[in-house]
């Protein structure tokens, strides 16, 4: 097994839910929200999710990063 095959297998095992109706396993890993995961930057991506200059953040993640955060919620 190659390194990329191992990463693909781990990502698929971690996030893919065939019953969720959210697309193929590659589409689901492409939209993975776990940016703290050490494999996140290396996860399998769909060709639609890539740009020639690299691996951009998904639109929902860019929106989440600029959205105002709720204050006083949680223990952080």
PDB file of N, CA and C in Angstrom:
ATOM      1  N   UNK A   1       0.852  -1.176   0.000  1.00  0.00           N
ATOM      2  CA  UNK A   1       0.000   0.000   0.000  1.00  0.00           C
ATOM      3  C   UNK A   1       0.897   1.237   0.000  1.00  0.00           C
ATOM      4  N   UNK A   2       0.582   2.182  -0.868  1.00  0.00           N
ATOM      5  CA  UNK A   2       1.356   3.424  -0.921  1.00  0.00           C
ATOM      6  C   UNK A   2       0.903   4.367   0.195  1.00  0.00           C
ATOM      7  N   UNK A   3       1.675   5.413   0.394  1.00  0.00           N
ATOM      8  CA  UNK A   3       1.324   6.403   1.412  1.00  0.00           C
ATOM      9  C   UNK A   3      -0.027   7.043   1.093  1.00  0.00           C
ATOM     10  N   UNK A   4      -0.247   7.431  -0.176  1.00  0.00           N
ATOM     11  CA  UNK A   4      -1.521   8.062  -0.536  1.00  0.00           C
ATOM     12  C   UNK A   4      -2.684   7.092  -0.395  1.00  0.00           C
ATOM     13  N   UNK A   5      -2.475   5.841  -0.719  1.00  0.00           N
ATOM     14  CA  UNK A   5      -3.539   4.844  -0.533  1.00  0.00           C
ATOM     15  C   UNK A   5      -3.892   4.711   0.946  1.00  0.00           C
ATOM     16  N   UNK A   6      -2.885   4.788   1.819  1.00  0.00           N
ATOM     17  CA  UNK A   6      -3.141   4.711   3.256  1.00  0.00           C
ATOM     18  C   UNK A   6      -3.916   5.941   3.740  1.00  0.00           C
ATOM     19  N   UNK A   7      -3.546   7.120   3.242  1.00  0.00           N
ATOM     20  CA  UNK A   7      -4.265   8.350   3.604  1.00  0.00           C
ATOM     21  C   UNK A   7      -5.701   8.280   3.109  1.00  0.00           C
ATOM     22  N   UNK A   8      -5.879   7.844   1.855  1.00  0.00           N
ATOM     23  CA  UNK A   8      -7.230   7.704   1.299  1.00  0.00           C
ATOM     24  C   UNK A   8      -8.074   6.764   2.142  1.00  0.00           C
ATOM     25  N   UNK A   9      -7.500   5.625   2.532  1.00  0.00           N
ATOM     26  CA  UNK A   9      -8.231   4.640   3.335  1.00  0.00           C
ATOM     27  C   UNK A   9      -8.604   5.212   4.694  1.00  0.00           C
ATOM     28  N   UNK A  10      -7.691   5.950   5.317  1.00  0.00           N
ATOM     29  CA  UNK A  10      -7.968   6.532   6.629  1.00  0.00           C
ATOM     30  C   UNK A  10      -9.076   7.579   6.529  1.00  0.00           C
ATOM     31  N   UNK A  11      -8.990   8.460   5.530  1.00  0.00           N
ATOM     32  CA  UNK A  11     -10.007   9.495   5.363  1.00  0.00           C
ATOM     33  C   UNK A  11     -11.377   8.881   5.064  1.00  0.00           C
ATOM     34  N   UNK A  12     -11.386   7.880   4.218  1.00  0.00           N
ATOM     35  CA  UNK A  12     -12.644   7.225   3.871  1.00  0.00           C
ATOM     36  C   UNK A  12     -13.263   6.574   5.106  1.00  0.00           C
ATOM     37  N   UNK A  13     -12.448   5.900   5.888  1.00  0.00           N
ATOM     38  CA  UNK A  13     -12.924   5.238   7.105  1.00  0.00           C
ATOM     39  C   UNK A  13     -13.406   6.268   8.123  1.00  0.00           C
ATOM     40  N   UNK A  14     -12.771   7.424   8.156  1.00  0.00           N
ATOM     41  CA  UNK A  14     -13.089   8.440   9.156  1.00  0.00           C
ATOM     42  C   UNK A  14     -14.385   9.186   8.852  1.00  0.00           C
ATOM     43  N   UNK A  15     -14.588   9.609   7.609  1.00  0.00           N
ATOM     44  CA  UNK A  15     -15.672  10.559   7.344  1.00  0.00           C
ATOM     45  C   UNK A  15     -16.787  10.035   6.445  1.00  0.00           C
ATOM     46  N   UNK A  16     -16.525   9.036   5.639  1.00  0.00           N
ATOM     47  CA  UNK A  16     -17.512   8.628   4.638  1.00  0.00           C
ATOM     48  C   UNK A  16     -18.729   7.971   5.258  1.00  0.00           C
ATOM     49  N   UNK A  17     -19.907   8.474   4.893  1.00  0.00           N
ATOM     50  CA  UNK A  17     -21.180   7.893   5.313  1.00  0.00           C
ATOM     51  C   UNK A  17     -22.029   7.691   4.066  1.00  0.00           C
ATOM     52  N   UNK A  18     -22.074   6.461   3.539  1.00  0.00           N
ATOM     53  CA  UNK A  18     -22.812   6.221   2.303  1.00  0.00           C
ATOM     54  C   UNK A  18     -24.312   6.475   2.440  1.00  0.00           C
ATOM     55  N   UNK A  19     -24.834   6.446   3.647  1.00  0.00           N
ATOM     56  CA  UNK A  19     -26.266   6.635   3.867  1.00  0.00           C
ATOM     57  C   UNK A  19     -26.643   8.116   4.012  1.00  0.00           C
ATOM     58  N   UNK A  20     -25.668   9.003   4.117  1.00  0.00           N
ATOM     59  CA  UNK A  20     -25.949  10.424   4.347  1.00  0.00           C
ATOM     60  C   UNK A  20     -26.449  11.139   3.099  1.00  0.00           C
ATOM     61  N   UNK A  21     -26.177  10.585   1.926  1.00  0.00           N
ATOM     62  CA  UNK A  21     -26.601  11.232   0.690  1.00  0.00           C
ATOM     63  C   UNK A  21     -25.810  12.487   0.378  1.00  0.00           C
ATOM     64  N   UNK A  22     -24.575  12.550   0.844  1.00  0.00           N
ATOM     65  CA  UNK A  22     -23.748  13.734   0.649  1.00  0.00           C
ATOM     66  C   UNK A  22     -22.704  13.549  -0.440  1.00  0.00           C
ATOM     67  N   UNK A  23     -22.901  12.563  -1.294  1.00  0.00           N
ATOM     68  CA  UNK A  23     -21.966  12.347  -2.394  1.00  0.00           C
ATOM     69  C   UNK A  23     -21.068  11.153  -2.164  1.00  0.00           C
ATOM     70  N   UNK A  24     -20.102  11.031  -3.054  1.00  0.00           N
ATOM     71  CA  UNK A  24     -19.155   9.921  -2.991  1.00  0.00           C
ATOM     72  C   UNK A  24     -18.205  10.101  -1.815  1.00  0.00           C
ATOM     73  N   UNK A  25     -17.443   9.067  -1.513  1.00  0.00           N
ATOM     74  CA  UNK A  25     -16.488   9.185  -0.405  1.00  0.00           C
ATOM     75  C   UNK A  25     -15.466  10.278  -0.698  1.00  0.00           C
ATOM     76  N   UNK A  26     -15.084  10.442  -1.956  1.00  0.00           N
ATOM     77  CA  UNK A  26     -14.101  11.474  -2.293  1.00  0.00           C
ATOM     78  C   UNK A  26     -14.713  12.873  -2.127  1.00  0.00           C
ATOM     79  N   UNK A  27     -15.979  13.040  -2.478  1.00  0.00           N
ATOM     80  CA  UNK A  27     -16.642  14.330  -2.282  1.00  0.00           C
ATOM     81  C   UNK A  27     -16.772  14.642  -0.795  1.00  0.00           C
ATOM     82  N   UNK A  28     -17.064  13.630   0.006  1.00  0.00           N
ATOM     83  CA  UNK A  28     -17.186  13.850   1.441  1.00  0.00           C
ATOM     84  C   UNK A  28     -15.838  14.178   2.080  1.00  0.00           C
ATOM     85  N   UNK A  29     -14.766  13.524   1.651  1.00  0.00           N
ATOM     86  CA  UNK A  29     -13.454  13.857   2.204  1.00  0.00           C
ATOM     87  C   UNK A  29     -12.979  15.215   1.699  1.00  0.00           C
ATOM     88  N   UNK A  30     -13.387  15.596   0.498  1.00  0.00           N
ATOM     89  CA  UNK A  30     -13.052  16.911  -0.040  1.00  0.00           C
ATOM     90  C   UNK A  30     -13.648  18.005   0.846  1.00  0.00           C
ATOM     91  N   UNK A  31     -14.827  17.774   1.391  1.00  0.00           N
ATOM     92  CA  UNK A  31     -15.519  18.754   2.232  1.00  0.00           C
ATOM     93  C   UNK A  31     -15.254  18.552   3.721  1.00  0.00           C
ATOM     94  N   UNK A  32     -14.268  17.768   4.061  1.00  0.00           N
ATOM     95  CA  UNK A  32     -13.975  17.453   5.467  1.00  0.00           C
ATOM     96  C   UNK A  32     -13.738  18.718   6.290  1.00  0.00           C
ATOM     97  N   UNK A  33     -14.445  18.864   7.411  1.00  0.00           N
ATOM     98  CA  UNK A  33     -14.280  20.052   8.243  1.00  0.00           C
ATOM     99  C   UNK A  33     -13.183  19.930   9.302  1.00  0.00           C
ATOM    100  N   UNK A  34     -12.524  18.792   9.391  1.00  0.00           N
ATOM    101  CA  UNK A  34     -11.550  18.543  10.463  1.00  0.00           C
ATOM    102  C   UNK A  34     -10.186  19.131  10.137  1.00  0.00           C
ATOM    103  N   UNK A  35     -10.095  20.462  10.131  1.00  0.00           N
ATOM    104  CA  UNK A  35      -8.852  21.119   9.760  1.00  0.00           C
ATOM    105  C   UNK A  35      -7.725  20.855  10.750  1.00  0.00           C
ATOM    106  N   UNK A  36      -8.033  20.389  11.941  1.00  0.00           N
ATOM    107  CA  UNK A  36      -7.014  20.062  12.926  1.00  0.00           C
ATOM    108  C   UNK A  36      -6.384  18.693  12.704  1.00  0.00           C
ATOM    109  N   UNK A  37      -6.949  17.915  11.805  1.00  0.00           N
ATOM    110  CA  UNK A  37      -6.418  16.583  11.513  1.00  0.00           C
ATOM    111  C   UNK A  37      -5.078  16.711  10.795  1.00  0.00           C
ATOM    112  N   UNK A  38      -4.063  15.936  11.185  1.00  0.00           N
ATOM    113  CA  UNK A  38      -2.770  16.017  10.514  1.00  0.00           C
ATOM    114  C   UNK A  38      -2.817  15.599   9.043  1.00  0.00           C
ATOM    115  N   UNK A  39      -3.848  14.869   8.648  1.00  0.00           N
ATOM    116  CA  UNK A  39      -3.960  14.434   7.259  1.00  0.00           C
ATOM    117  C   UNK A  39      -4.824  15.361   6.415  1.00  0.00           C
ATOM    118  N   UNK A  40      -5.421  16.389   7.005  1.00  0.00           N
ATOM    119  CA  UNK A  40      -6.391  17.233   6.300  1.00  0.00           C
ATOM    120  C   UNK A  40      -5.824  17.813   5.004  1.00  0.00           C
ATOM    121  N   UNK A  41      -4.619  18.314   5.027  1.00  0.00           N
ATOM    122  CA  UNK A  41      -4.022  18.918   3.832  1.00  0.00           C
ATOM    123  C   UNK A  41      -3.724  17.886   2.750  1.00  0.00           C
ATOM    124  N   UNK A  42      -3.669  16.620   3.120  1.00  0.00           N
ATOM    125  CA  UNK A  42      -3.317  15.546   2.187  1.00  0.00           C
ATOM    126  C   UNK A  42      -4.496  14.659   1.825  1.00  0.00           C
ATOM    127  N   UNK A  43      -5.701  15.027   2.283  1.00  0.00           N
ATOM    128  CA  UNK A  43      -6.880  14.203   2.046  1.00  0.00           C
ATOM    129  C   UNK A  43      -7.190  14.112   0.559  1.00  0.00           C
ATOM    130  N   UNK A  44      -7.876  13.059   0.141  1.00  0.00           N
ATOM    131  CA  UNK A  44      -8.253  12.947  -1.266  1.00  0.00           C
ATOM    132  C   UNK A  44      -9.207  14.073  -1.645  1.00  0.00           C
ATOM    133  N   UNK A  45      -8.979  14.648  -2.801  1.00  0.00           N
ATOM    134  CA  UNK A  45      -9.809  15.751  -3.267  1.00  0.00           C
ATOM    135  C   UNK A  45     -10.420  15.399  -4.604  1.00  0.00           C
ATOM    136  N   UNK A  46     -11.564  15.970  -4.896  1.00  0.00           N
ATOM    137  CA  UNK A  46     -12.165  15.824  -6.219  1.00  0.00           C
ATOM    138  C   UNK A  46     -11.473  16.810  -7.149  1.00  0.00           C
ATOM    139  N   UNK A  47     -11.514  16.549  -8.427  1.00  0.00           N
ATOM    140  CA  UNK A  47     -10.879  17.491  -9.361  1.00  0.00           C
ATOM    141  C   UNK A  47     -11.595  18.835  -9.343  1.00  0.00           C
ATOM    142  N   UNK A  48     -12.884  18.856  -9.013  1.00  0.00           N
ATOM    143  CA  UNK A  48     -13.629  20.110  -8.924  1.00  0.00           C
ATOM    144  C   UNK A  48     -13.197  20.934  -7.720  1.00  0.00           C
ATOM    145  N   UNK A  49     -12.671  20.291  -6.686  1.00  0.00           N
ATOM    146  CA  UNK A  49     -12.255  20.989  -5.472  1.00  0.00           C
ATOM    147  C   UNK A  49     -10.857  21.556  -5.536  1.00  0.00           C
ATOM    148  N   UNK A  50     -10.134  21.281  -6.601  1.00  0.00           N
ATOM    149  CA  UNK A  50      -8.752  21.735  -6.720  1.00  0.00           C
ATOM    150  C   UNK A  50      -8.651  22.937  -7.648  1.00  0.00           C
ATOM    151  N   UNK A  51      -7.656  23.737  -7.400  1.00  0.00           N
ATOM    152  CA  UNK A  51      -7.285  24.821  -8.302  1.00  0.00           C
ATOM    153  C   UNK A  51      -5.860  24.555  -8.756  1.00  0.00           C
ATOM    154  N   UNK A  52      -5.456  25.047  -9.910  1.00  0.00           N
ATOM    155  CA  UNK A  52      -4.103  24.794 -10.394  1.00  0.00           C
ATOM    156  C   UNK A  52      -3.016  25.272  -9.440  1.00  0.00           C
ATOM    157  N   UNK A  53      -3.311  26.251  -8.596  1.00  0.00           N
ATOM    158  CA  UNK A  53      -2.302  26.811  -7.705  1.00  0.00           C
ATOM    159  C   UNK A  53      -2.165  26.051  -6.395  1.00  0.00           C
ATOM    160  N   UNK A  54      -2.959  25.044  -6.145  1.00  0.00           N
ATOM    161  CA  UNK A  54      -2.844  24.303  -4.901  1.00  0.00           C
ATOM    162  C   UNK A  54      -4.169  23.813  -4.384  1.00  0.00           C
ATOM    163  N   UNK A  55      -4.235  23.617  -3.082  1.00  0.00           N
ATOM    164  CA  UNK A  55      -5.426  23.087  -2.447  1.00  0.00           C
ATOM    165  C   UNK A  55      -6.142  24.201  -1.687  1.00  0.00           C
ATOM    166  N   UNK A  56      -7.146  24.809  -2.310  1.00  0.00           N
ATOM    167  CA  UNK A  56      -7.848  25.901  -1.645  1.00  0.00           C
ATOM    168  C   UNK A  56      -8.787  25.382  -0.553  1.00  0.00           C
ATOM    169  N   UNK A  57      -9.138  26.274   0.338  1.00  0.00           N
ATOM    170  CA  UNK A  57     -10.137  25.922   1.328  1.00  0.00           C
ATOM    171  C   UNK A  57     -11.492  25.894   0.649  1.00  0.00           C
ATOM    172  N   UNK A  58     -12.363  24.978   1.060  1.00  0.00           N
ATOM    173  CA  UNK A  58     -13.718  24.967   0.512  1.00  0.00           C
ATOM    174  C   UNK A  58     -14.440  26.275   0.853  1.00  0.00           C
ATOM    175  N   UNK A  59     -15.411  26.646   0.048  1.00  0.00           N
ATOM    176  CA  UNK A  59     -16.168  27.883   0.250  1.00  0.00           C
ATOM    177  C   UNK A  59     -16.802  27.940   1.639  1.00  0.00           C
ATOM    178  N   UNK A  60     -17.397  26.829   2.104  1.00  0.00           N
ATOM    179  CA  UNK A  60     -18.044  26.833   3.413  1.00  0.00           C
ATOM    180  C   UNK A  60     -17.033  27.103   4.513  1.00  0.00           C
ATOM    181  N   UNK A  61     -15.771  26.669   4.320  1.00  0.00           N
ATOM    182  CA  UNK A  61     -14.752  26.891   5.329  1.00  0.00           C
ATOM    183  C   UNK A  61     -14.293  28.346   5.316  1.00  0.00           C
ATOM    184  N   UNK A  62     -14.202  28.939   4.127  1.00  0.00           N
ATOM    185  CA  UNK A  62     -13.861  30.365   4.040  1.00  0.00           C
ATOM    186  C   UNK A  62     -14.942  31.205   4.713  1.00  0.00           C
ATOM    187  N   UNK A  63     -16.216  30.836   4.497  1.00  0.00           N
ATOM    188  CA  UNK A  63     -17.321  31.570   5.129  1.00  0.00           C
ATOM    189  C   UNK A  63     -17.274  31.399   6.645  1.00  0.00           C
ATOM    190  N   UNK A  64     -16.993  30.174   7.096  1.00  0.00           N
ATOM    191  CA  UNK A  64     -16.946  29.910   8.541  1.00  0.00           C
ATOM    192  C   UNK A  64     -15.818  30.698   9.206  1.00  0.00           C
ATOM    193  N   UNK A  65     -14.710  30.850   8.501  1.00  0.00           N
ATOM    194  CA  UNK A  65     -13.568  31.563   9.069  1.00  0.00           C
ATOM    195  C   UNK A  65     -13.844  33.055   9.219  1.00  0.00           C
ATOM    196  N   UNK A  66     -14.717  33.613   8.387  1.00  0.00           N
ATOM    197  CA  UNK A  66     -15.001  35.048   8.452  1.00  0.00           C
ATOM    198  C   UNK A  66     -16.284  35.359   9.222  1.00  0.00           C
ATOM    199  N   UNK A  67     -17.031  34.345   9.602  1.00  0.00           N
ATOM    200  CA  UNK A  67     -18.289  34.562  10.334  1.00  0.00           C
ATOM    201  C   UNK A  67     -17.997  34.995  11.764  1.00  0.00           C
ATOM    202  N   UNK A  68     -18.814  35.872  12.305  1.00  0.00           N
ATOM    203  CA  UNK A  68     -18.625  36.274  13.705  1.00  0.00           C
ATOM    204  C   UNK A  68     -18.863  35.087  14.633  1.00  0.00           C
ATOM    205  N   UNK A  69     -18.068  35.004  15.661  1.00  0.00           N
ATOM    206  CA  UNK A  69     -18.196  33.894  16.616  1.00  0.00           C
ATOM    207  C   UNK A  69     -19.059  34.312  17.794  1.00  0.00           C
ATOM    208  N   UNK A  70     -19.806  33.329  18.306  1.00  0.00           N
ATOM    209  CA  UNK A  70     -20.642  33.594  19.480  1.00  0.00           C
ATOM    210  C   UNK A  70     -19.758  33.717  20.703  1.00  0.00           C
ATOM    211  N   UNK A  71     -20.052  34.681  21.535  1.00  0.00           N
ATOM    212  CA  UNK A  71     -19.264  34.876  22.747  1.00  0.00           C
ATOM    213  C   UNK A  71     -19.949  34.223  23.933  1.00  0.00           C
ATOM    214  N   UNK A  72     -19.128  33.767  24.842  1.00  0.00           N
ATOM    215  CA  UNK A  72     -19.647  33.192  26.083  1.00  0.00           C
ATOM    216  C   UNK A  72     -20.242  31.812  25.932  1.00  0.00           C
ATOM    217  N   UNK A  73     -19.950  31.134  24.849  1.00  0.00           N
ATOM    218  CA  UNK A  73     -20.482  29.782  24.695  1.00  0.00           C
ATOM    219  C   UNK A  73     -19.353  28.776  24.744  1.00  0.00           C
ATOM    220  N   UNK A  74     -19.334  28.013  25.774  1.00  0.00           N
ATOM    221  CA  UNK A  74     -18.306  26.986  25.901  1.00  0.00           C
ATOM    222  C   UNK A  74     -17.281  27.353  26.950  1.00  0.00           C
ATOM    223  N   UNK A  75     -16.343  26.443  27.138  1.00  0.00           N
ATOM    224  CA  UNK A  75     -15.357  26.628  28.200  1.00  0.00           C
ATOM    225  C   UNK A  75     -14.013  27.099  27.717  1.00  0.00           C
ATOM    226  N   UNK A  76     -13.938  27.702  26.562  1.00  0.00           N
ATOM    227  CA  UNK A  76     -12.625  28.158  26.079  1.00  0.00           C
ATOM    228  C   UNK A  76     -12.404  29.612  26.348  1.00  0.00           C
TER     229      UNK A  76
END
